[in-house]
Amino acid sequence: MSQTHETAIAANPFSITRMLDAPRERVFRAWTEASELMGWFGPQGVTIPACNLDLRFGGTFHYCMRMPNGAELWGKWTFQEIQPPERIVLVSSFSDADGGITRHPFVSEWPLETLSTTTLEEAGEQTVLTITWLPFNAQDNEIARFNAMHQDMIQGWTGTLNQLTAYLATA
């Protein structure tokens, strides 16, 4: 049995869903174009001052998040599957400025990598967006930490999806 499969069984998946007032193709562009991601990605007050996006299997989205206090955090997505305009599967991690994978800056037992699946379902002129997360290549203590942090993930993703909602309303 592969590590990924074992991890998927041992972890309690995190999932969040949001109805967005925009067509699916528009929401897909917001998730897959660098200039769009720079306009909304991250919690309220966070900006994306720099990023590189290579949207293809094995490609990456490497980005810098600048916090309101000026601190910078880097992140990286490595694309595993892209099915326009309905599905994006990626491995997400914290990163350094050079693209290396790093530990979560505040939670040392957070998994180095998570597997993120974003689906977009048409609902008339609206889109149902669902994000599902699982630890990826994780140790037992990392899986336990992931499972224990679902409320924090709800808070973080709610802020980010609020940003997306506001962005789509003005873009």
Protein backbone atom coordinates (compact mmCIF):
# COMPACT_ATOMS: atom_id res chain seq x y z
CA MET A 1 0.00 0.00 0.00
CA SER A 2 1.40 3.41 -0.91
CA GLN A 3 2.15 6.11 1.67
CA THR A 4 -0.39 8.40 0.02
CA HIS A 5 -3.11 5.78 0.28
CA GLU A 6 -2.21 5.03 3.92
CA THR A 7 -2.28 8.74 4.71
CA ALA A 8 -5.65 9.17 3.05
CA ILE A 9 -7.07 6.39 5.21
CA ALA A 10 -5.53 7.63 8.50
CA ALA A 11 -6.38 11.30 8.09
CA ASN A 12 -9.71 12.98 8.63
CA PRO A 13 -10.17 14.98 5.40
CA PHE A 14 -10.77 18.70 5.73
CA SER A 15 -13.39 20.13 3.40
CA ILE A 16 -14.96 23.54 2.89
CA THR A 17 -17.60 24.57 0.35
CA ARG A 18 -18.65 28.02 -0.84
CA MET A 19 -21.29 29.17 -3.35
CA LEU A 20 -19.74 31.87 -5.53
CA ASP A 21 -21.69 34.40 -7.55
CA ALA A 22 -19.72 33.87 -10.77
CA PRO A 23 -19.70 31.36 -13.63
CA ARG A 24 -17.43 28.34 -13.28
CA GLU A 25 -15.05 29.44 -16.06
CA ARG A 26 -14.55 32.79 -14.30
CA VAL A 27 -13.79 31.11 -10.96
CA PHE A 28 -11.37 28.71 -12.68
CA ARG A 29 -9.45 31.67 -14.13
CA ALA A 30 -9.27 33.23 -10.66
CA TRP A 31 -7.55 30.04 -9.44
CA THR A 32 -5.24 29.52 -12.43
CA GLU A 33 -3.89 32.90 -13.58
CA ALA A 34 -1.09 34.60 -11.66
CA SER A 35 -2.49 38.13 -11.98
CA GLU A 36 -5.84 36.89 -10.67
CA LEU A 37 -4.37 34.96 -7.72
CA MET A 38 -2.37 38.05 -6.77
CA GLY A 39 -5.65 39.95 -6.49
CA TRP A 40 -7.33 37.77 -3.88
CA PHE A 41 -5.40 34.78 -2.55
CA GLY A 42 -4.76 34.73 1.18
CA PRO A 43 -6.58 35.93 4.28
CA GLN A 44 -7.81 39.51 4.64
CA GLY A 45 -4.95 41.99 4.88
CA VAL A 46 -2.46 39.67 3.18
CA THR A 47 -1.03 40.60 -0.21
CA ILE A 48 0.81 38.55 -2.83
CA PRO A 49 3.69 40.82 -3.92
CA ALA A 50 5.47 38.14 -5.99
CA CYS A 51 4.64 34.84 -7.63
CA ASN A 52 5.50 32.52 -10.49
CA LEU A 53 2.90 30.24 -12.05
CA ASP A 54 3.54 27.31 -14.37
CA LEU A 55 0.08 25.78 -14.87
CA ARG A 56 0.71 22.24 -16.10
CA PHE A 57 1.11 18.78 -14.61
CA GLY A 58 4.22 18.98 -12.42
CA GLY A 59 4.30 22.78 -12.72
CA THR A 60 4.19 25.04 -9.70
CA PHE A 61 2.66 28.17 -8.26
CA HIS A 62 5.37 29.68 -6.03
CA TYR A 63 4.23 32.75 -4.15
CA CYS A 64 5.06 35.19 -1.37
CA MET A 65 2.38 36.25 1.11
CA ARG A 66 3.06 39.54 2.86
CA MET A 67 1.32 39.85 6.22
CA PRO A 68 -0.12 43.17 7.45
CA ASN A 69 2.91 43.50 9.78
CA GLY A 70 5.30 43.16 6.80
CA ALA A 71 6.39 39.59 7.53
CA GLU A 72 6.63 37.36 4.47
CA LEU A 73 5.65 33.71 4.13
CA TRP A 74 6.32 31.68 1.02
CA GLY A 75 4.15 28.88 -0.32
CA LYS A 76 4.25 26.43 -3.19
CA TRP A 77 1.72 24.38 -5.08
CA THR A 78 2.80 21.52 -7.34
CA PHE A 79 0.04 20.65 -9.81
CA GLN A 80 -0.98 16.99 -10.01
CA GLU A 81 -4.12 17.31 -12.14
CA ILE A 82 -5.76 20.18 -14.03
CA GLN A 83 -9.18 19.64 -15.62
CA PRO A 84 -10.45 23.02 -16.86
CA PRO A 85 -12.81 24.36 -15.64
CA GLU A 86 -13.82 21.78 -13.06
CA ARG A 87 -10.93 20.37 -11.02
CA ILE A 88 -7.45 21.21 -9.74
CA VAL A 89 -5.41 18.76 -7.67
CA LEU A 90 -2.14 19.95 -6.16
CA VAL A 91 0.39 19.31 -3.44
CA SER A 92 0.63 22.37 -1.20
CA SER A 93 3.54 23.25 1.08
CA PHE A 94 5.22 26.12 2.82
CA SER A 95 8.32 27.20 0.98
CA ASP A 96 11.35 29.43 1.04
CA ALA A 97 12.07 32.18 -1.49
CA ASP A 98 13.98 29.68 -3.65
CA GLY A 99 11.09 27.19 -3.88
CA GLY A 100 12.38 24.66 -1.34
CA ILE A 101 9.82 22.98 0.91
CA THR A 102 9.85 24.21 4.51
CA ARG A 103 7.98 23.55 7.73
CA HIS A 104 4.94 25.58 8.77
CA PRO A 105 6.44 28.65 10.46
CA PHE A 106 4.22 28.39 13.55
CA VAL A 107 3.17 24.71 13.77
CA SER A 108 6.19 22.42 13.61
CA GLU A 109 4.12 19.23 13.40
CA TRP A 110 2.05 20.42 10.42
CA PRO A 111 2.58 18.07 7.45
CA LEU A 112 5.30 19.21 5.07
CA GLU A 113 2.84 18.60 2.24
CA THR A 114 -0.92 18.45 1.88
CA LEU A 115 -2.93 17.15 -1.04
CA SER A 116 -5.54 19.72 -2.08
CA THR A 117 -8.43 19.05 -4.44
CA THR A 118 -10.49 22.00 -5.63
CA THR A 119 -13.68 21.24 -7.54
CA LEU A 120 -15.94 23.73 -9.30
CA GLU A 121 -19.53 22.72 -10.03
CA GLU A 122 -21.92 24.75 -12.15
CA ALA A 123 -25.04 26.00 -10.41
CA GLY A 124 -26.71 28.18 -13.03
CA GLU A 125 -24.69 31.41 -13.15
CA GLN A 126 -23.07 30.51 -9.83
CA THR A 127 -20.32 28.07 -8.91
CA VAL A 128 -20.07 25.66 -6.01
CA LEU A 129 -16.42 25.58 -4.97
CA THR A 130 -15.24 22.74 -2.72
CA ILE A 131 -11.74 22.41 -1.33
CA THR A 132 -10.67 19.10 0.23
CA TRP A 133 -7.34 18.70 2.02
CA LEU A 134 -5.44 15.65 3.24
CA PRO A 135 -1.94 15.25 4.66
CA PHE A 136 0.41 13.92 1.99
CA ASN A 137 3.46 11.74 2.70
CA ALA A 138 2.88 12.53 6.38
CA GLN A 139 4.00 10.93 9.63
CA ASP A 140 1.49 9.88 12.29
CA ASN A 141 2.16 12.96 14.47
CA GLU A 142 1.62 15.24 11.45
CA ILE A 143 -1.65 13.52 10.62
CA ALA A 144 -2.79 13.93 14.22
CA ARG A 145 -1.91 17.65 14.12
CA PHE A 146 -3.75 18.06 10.81
CA ASN A 147 -6.83 16.34 12.25
CA ALA A 148 -6.71 18.57 15.35
CA MET A 149 -6.52 21.82 13.36
CA HIS A 150 -9.74 21.65 11.34
CA GLN A 151 -11.27 24.63 13.17
CA ASP A 152 -8.19 26.72 12.38
CA MET A 153 -8.41 25.64 8.74
CA ILE A 154 -12.07 26.68 8.62
CA GLN A 155 -11.10 30.11 9.92
CA GLY A 156 -8.21 30.50 7.48
CA TRP A 157 -10.09 29.27 4.43
CA THR A 158 -13.18 31.30 5.32
CA GLY A 159 -11.07 34.47 5.24
CA THR A 160 -9.45 33.47 1.96
CA LEU A 161 -12.79 32.59 0.36
CA ASN A 162 -14.22 35.91 1.58
CA GLN A 163 -11.37 37.56 -0.31
CA LEU A 164 -12.22 35.53 -3.43
CA THR A 165 -15.91 36.44 -3.13
CA ALA A 166 -15.09 40.15 -2.89
CA TYR A 167 -12.59 39.91 -5.76
CA LEU A 168 -15.09 38.21 -8.07
CA ALA A 169 -17.70 40.87 -7.25
CA THR A 170 -15.38 43.67 -8.41
CA ALA A 171 -13.27 42.02 -11.12
